[in-house]
Amino acid sequence: MRNKESFICLLFSVFFIVVLFLSGCKDDDANRPLSEIVYQTVWEVTETGYNLDNGNSYEDSYIVEFLTDSTGILVSDYGDEYFNYSIDGRLVNFDSIIYLILEQTDDRFVLQRYYNNGDKMKRVLTFNKMY
């Protein structure tokens, strides 16, 4: 009987220690501002556009390098294009085009915006870190 009680006590102690350890771990990615994550980094970007009126979609890819805390360069098949950006909370402003941050980690983040160009559109930008 004593061995059974000792085993249960040991099992409970191990469980308690594991719970304390896991509760002490925090998700630093979620707390780290996107402005720190992108500073002087290079990202592969997949742009997906959805026409919400007719269901059509398109996909494009390019490279984005964030050079400073406010400027970057987009490298695509169409050439290189410098841009200005700012980040305010969950909003990213690329040359007056504002996106909402849907998710972010140190290696990936996703932006989204809705707009109307005669059709209702949704654009999703998925950034995957290269270096």
Protein backbone atom coordinates (compact mmCIF):
# COMPACT_ATOMS: atom_id res chain seq x y z
CA MET A 1 0.00 0.00 0.00
CA ARG A 2 2.84 2.36 0.83
CA ASN A 3 4.47 1.83 -2.60
CA LYS A 4 1.20 2.59 -4.37
CA GLU A 5 0.82 5.86 -2.42
CA SER A 6 4.44 6.79 -3.16
CA PHE A 7 3.94 6.09 -6.85
CA ILE A 8 0.77 8.21 -6.98
CA CYS A 9 2.53 11.02 -5.11
CA LEU A 10 5.50 10.82 -7.50
CA LEU A 11 3.19 10.78 -10.53
CA PHE A 12 1.29 13.81 -9.24
CA SER A 13 4.58 15.65 -8.58
CA VAL A 14 5.86 14.97 -12.10
CA PHE A 15 2.53 16.11 -13.58
CA PHE A 16 2.65 19.31 -11.49
CA ILE A 17 6.23 20.08 -12.59
CA VAL A 18 5.33 19.53 -16.27
CA VAL A 19 2.32 21.85 -15.93
CA LEU A 20 4.46 24.53 -14.29
CA PHE A 21 7.10 24.20 -17.00
CA LEU A 22 4.58 24.46 -19.84
CA SER A 23 2.77 27.39 -18.27
CA GLY A 24 6.10 29.21 -17.96
CA CYS A 25 6.72 28.90 -21.70
CA LYS A 26 5.34 31.81 -23.64
CA ASP A 27 4.89 32.49 -27.32
CA ASP A 28 7.45 35.24 -27.93
CA ASP A 29 6.47 35.48 -31.62
CA ALA A 30 3.00 36.75 -30.78
CA ASN A 31 4.39 39.42 -28.45
CA ARG A 32 7.20 40.59 -30.72
CA PRO A 33 6.22 43.56 -32.91
CA LEU A 34 6.19 42.91 -36.65
CA SER A 35 8.44 45.96 -37.11
CA GLU A 36 11.22 44.09 -35.23
CA ILE A 37 10.62 40.87 -37.16
CA VAL A 38 10.93 42.43 -40.64
CA TYR A 39 13.76 44.91 -40.03
CA GLN A 40 16.59 44.22 -42.55
CA THR A 41 15.22 40.84 -43.67
CA VAL A 42 14.25 39.23 -46.99
CA TRP A 43 10.91 37.48 -47.60
CA GLU A 44 9.35 35.37 -50.32
CA VAL A 45 5.82 36.69 -50.84
CA THR A 46 2.82 34.95 -52.35
CA GLU A 47 0.04 37.33 -53.32
CA THR A 48 -3.39 35.80 -53.79
CA GLY A 49 -6.28 37.91 -55.04
CA TYR A 50 -9.91 36.87 -54.87
CA ASN A 51 -12.78 38.42 -56.81
CA LEU A 52 -15.63 38.07 -54.34
CA ASP A 53 -18.24 38.85 -57.01
CA ASN A 54 -17.40 36.13 -59.55
CA GLY A 55 -15.17 33.73 -57.59
CA ASN A 56 -12.09 34.18 -59.80
CA SER A 57 -8.67 34.31 -58.20
CA TYR A 58 -5.04 34.90 -59.14
CA GLU A 59 -1.67 34.23 -57.57
CA ASP A 60 1.68 35.97 -57.98
CA SER A 61 5.00 35.71 -56.16
CA TYR A 62 7.90 38.04 -55.60
CA ILE A 63 10.67 38.94 -53.15
CA VAL A 64 10.44 41.75 -50.58
CA GLU A 65 13.42 43.12 -48.70
CA PHE A 66 12.79 45.43 -45.76
CA LEU A 67 15.84 47.71 -45.88
CA THR A 68 15.17 50.11 -43.00
CA ASP A 69 12.37 50.66 -40.50
CA SER A 70 10.39 52.52 -43.18
CA THR A 71 11.65 51.55 -46.68
CA GLY A 72 11.91 48.37 -48.69
CA ILE A 73 12.24 46.99 -52.18
CA LEU A 74 9.95 44.65 -54.09
CA VAL A 75 11.69 42.43 -56.65
CA SER A 76 9.41 40.82 -59.25
CA ASP A 77 9.35 39.71 -62.87
CA TYR A 78 8.28 43.27 -63.68
CA GLY A 79 11.38 44.87 -62.15
CA ASP A 80 12.42 46.38 -58.82
CA GLU A 81 10.25 48.88 -57.00
CA TYR A 82 11.13 50.78 -53.82
CA PHE A 83 8.34 51.42 -51.33
CA ASN A 84 7.69 53.10 -47.99
CA TYR A 85 5.93 51.30 -45.19
CA SER A 86 4.83 51.79 -41.62
CA ILE A 87 3.42 49.44 -39.00
CA ASP A 88 0.89 50.58 -36.42
CA GLY A 89 -0.37 47.78 -34.18
CA ARG A 90 -2.09 45.26 -36.46
CA LEU A 91 -2.04 47.55 -39.51
CA VAL A 92 0.68 47.66 -42.18
CA ASN A 93 0.69 50.64 -44.55
CA PHE A 94 2.51 50.15 -47.88
CA ASP A 95 2.51 53.51 -49.69
CA SER A 96 -1.03 54.31 -48.45
CA ILE A 97 -2.39 50.78 -49.05
CA ILE A 98 -3.37 49.39 -45.65
CA TYR A 99 -3.37 45.71 -44.74
CA LEU A 100 -4.48 43.93 -41.56
CA ILE A 101 -2.07 41.45 -39.95
CA LEU A 102 -3.92 38.12 -39.72
CA GLU A 103 -1.10 36.06 -38.23
CA GLN A 104 2.61 36.36 -37.52
CA THR A 105 5.60 34.40 -36.30
CA ASP A 106 9.30 35.11 -36.66
CA ASP A 107 9.37 33.17 -39.96
CA ARG A 108 5.95 33.88 -41.50
CA PHE A 109 3.21 36.48 -41.50
CA VAL A 110 -0.03 36.96 -43.40
CA LEU A 111 -1.64 40.27 -44.39
CA GLN A 112 -5.11 40.86 -45.84
CA ARG A 113 -7.15 43.71 -47.28
CA TYR A 114 -10.52 44.18 -48.93
CA TYR A 115 -11.09 46.75 -51.65
CA ASN A 116 -13.40 47.61 -54.52
CA ASN A 117 -12.14 48.24 -58.06
CA GLY A 118 -15.54 47.81 -59.67
CA ASP A 119 -15.64 44.32 -58.18
CA LYS A 120 -15.37 43.41 -54.52
CA MET A 121 -11.85 42.07 -54.02
CA LYS A 122 -9.77 40.48 -51.26
CA ARG A 123 -5.97 40.34 -51.39
CA VAL A 124 -3.89 38.09 -49.14
CA LEU A 125 -0.10 38.45 -48.87
CA THR A 126 1.78 35.54 -47.30
CA PHE A 127 5.39 36.35 -46.31
CA ASN A 128 7.83 33.47 -45.72
CA LYS A 129 11.24 34.47 -44.38
CA MET A 130 14.23 33.69 -46.57
CA TYR A 131 16.91 35.37 -44.37
